Amino acid sequence: MQPYAVVVAYLGLLGVLVVAGYAFSAAAGLPGADRSLPFLSGGVPREHAVSRYHARWYALTMVFLAFDMEMVFMYPWAVVVSAVGVTAVVEMFIFLGLILVGVLYAWREGALRWA
């Protein structure tokens, strides 16, 4: 029963923190503020939050994710490169070459054009 008591205590604390967050948000709100509008740096939004995006943004998102994954693999590589040696450097250049092939393909397909 002891492990379940820890889980129940943790969930209880989590519930108290969620309720406290909502209570603080309600208490700190401006009087008379329209809380149904989304917050956009104080400005009124010009379009609906779920409006459609142009198809070119999806291709650009894929290019961003390719670079994001590159960073996910490069940080651990930078930690162990001195211990592994030349093999790690060669493998990273192969990986960067594959990323470059993807970027060149995206460039050729027009994913990097803004207009």
Protein backbone atom coordinates (compact mmCIF):
# COMPACT_ATOMS: atom_id res chain seq x y z
CA MET A 1 0.00 0.00 0.00
CA GLN A 2 2.99 2.31 0.54
CA PRO A 3 3.79 2.87 -3.19
CA TYR A 4 0.16 3.77 -3.87
CA ALA A 5 0.19 6.34 -1.09
CA VAL A 6 3.06 8.15 -2.80
CA VAL A 7 1.20 8.16 -6.12
CA VAL A 8 -2.02 9.41 -4.50
CA ALA A 9 -0.08 12.14 -2.64
CA TYR A 10 1.62 13.18 -5.88
CA LEU A 11 -1.68 13.34 -7.78
CA GLY A 12 -3.25 15.30 -4.91
CA LEU A 13 -0.41 17.83 -4.96
CA LEU A 14 -0.73 18.08 -8.73
CA GLY A 15 -4.47 18.74 -8.40
CA VAL A 16 -3.87 21.45 -5.78
CA LEU A 17 -1.31 23.15 -8.04
CA VAL A 18 -3.69 23.11 -11.03
CA VAL A 19 -6.53 24.58 -8.99
CA ALA A 20 -4.16 27.20 -7.53
CA GLY A 21 -3.03 28.16 -11.04
CA TYR A 22 -6.60 28.67 -12.21
CA ALA A 23 -7.46 30.61 -9.04
CA PHE A 24 -4.45 32.89 -9.48
CA SER A 25 -5.32 33.46 -13.13
CA ALA A 26 -8.89 34.39 -12.25
CA ALA A 27 -7.78 36.70 -9.42
CA ALA A 28 -5.10 38.47 -11.47
CA GLY A 29 -7.34 39.09 -14.49
CA LEU A 30 -8.27 42.62 -15.47
CA PRO A 31 -11.81 43.65 -14.55
CA GLY A 32 -14.05 43.85 -17.58
CA ALA A 33 -11.53 42.19 -19.88
CA ASP A 34 -13.01 40.03 -22.59
CA ARG A 35 -11.46 36.67 -21.80
CA SER A 36 -12.96 34.93 -24.78
CA LEU A 37 -10.50 36.61 -27.18
CA PRO A 38 -7.05 35.07 -27.68
CA PHE A 39 -4.12 37.10 -26.39
CA LEU A 40 -1.90 38.47 -29.15
CA SER A 41 0.50 40.90 -27.48
CA GLY A 42 -2.41 43.14 -26.62
CA GLY A 43 -3.73 43.36 -30.17
CA VAL A 44 -6.92 42.03 -31.66
CA PRO A 45 -6.24 39.11 -34.03
CA ARG A 46 -6.96 39.72 -37.73
CA GLU A 47 -7.85 36.13 -38.58
CA HIS A 48 -9.30 33.10 -36.86
CA ALA A 49 -6.94 30.89 -34.88
CA VAL A 50 -7.72 27.80 -36.95
CA SER A 51 -7.55 29.49 -40.34
CA ARG A 52 -5.89 27.62 -43.19
CA TYR A 53 -2.24 27.97 -44.04
CA HIS A 54 -0.78 27.99 -47.51
CA ALA A 55 0.70 24.66 -48.60
CA ARG A 56 4.22 26.12 -48.89
CA TRP A 57 4.42 26.37 -45.08
CA TYR A 58 4.26 22.60 -44.76
CA ALA A 59 7.34 22.12 -46.95
CA LEU A 60 9.15 24.83 -45.01
CA THR A 61 8.18 23.07 -41.80
CA MET A 62 9.77 19.87 -43.07
CA VAL A 63 13.01 21.74 -43.79
CA PHE A 64 12.92 23.22 -40.28
CA LEU A 65 12.40 19.76 -38.79
CA ALA A 66 15.38 18.46 -40.76
CA PHE A 67 17.59 21.13 -39.21
CA ASP A 68 16.02 20.52 -35.82
CA MET A 69 16.87 16.82 -36.01
CA GLU A 70 20.36 17.77 -37.08
CA MET A 71 20.82 19.67 -33.83
CA VAL A 72 19.36 16.79 -31.81
CA PHE A 73 22.10 14.54 -33.18
CA MET A 74 24.92 17.10 -33.10
CA TYR A 75 24.76 17.96 -29.39
CA PRO A 76 25.49 14.42 -28.14
CA TRP A 77 28.04 14.03 -30.92
CA ALA A 78 29.90 17.12 -29.70
CA VAL A 79 30.20 15.55 -26.25
CA VAL A 80 31.77 12.29 -27.46
CA VAL A 81 33.72 13.42 -30.53
CA SER A 82 37.01 13.76 -28.67
CA ALA A 83 36.68 10.29 -27.17
CA VAL A 84 35.71 8.55 -30.42
CA GLY A 85 38.10 10.40 -32.71
CA VAL A 86 38.26 10.57 -36.49
CA THR A 87 35.48 8.03 -36.99
CA ALA A 88 32.97 10.36 -35.32
CA VAL A 89 34.06 13.26 -37.53
CA VAL A 90 33.68 11.18 -40.72
CA GLU A 91 30.25 9.96 -39.63
CA MET A 92 29.12 13.53 -38.91
CA PHE A 93 30.25 14.70 -42.35
CA ILE A 94 28.27 11.85 -43.91
CA PHE A 95 25.23 12.89 -41.86
CA LEU A 96 25.66 16.54 -42.85
CA GLY A 97 25.98 15.46 -46.48
CA LEU A 98 22.62 13.69 -46.26
CA ILE A 99 21.06 16.79 -44.70
CA LEU A 100 22.58 18.89 -47.51
CA VAL A 101 21.02 16.57 -50.11
CA GLY A 102 17.64 17.14 -48.43
CA VAL A 103 18.10 20.91 -48.44
CA LEU A 104 19.15 20.93 -52.09
CA TYR A 105 16.06 18.86 -52.95
CA ALA A 106 13.84 21.30 -51.04
CA TRP A 107 15.53 24.21 -52.80
CA ARG A 108 14.98 22.59 -56.19
CA GLU A 109 11.31 21.94 -55.40
CA GLY A 110 10.83 25.57 -54.35
CA ALA A 111 10.21 25.02 -50.64
CA LEU A 112 12.56 27.87 -49.75
CA ARG A 113 10.77 30.48 -51.90
CA TRP A 114 8.73 32.92 -49.83
CA ALA A 115 6.41 34.29 -52.48
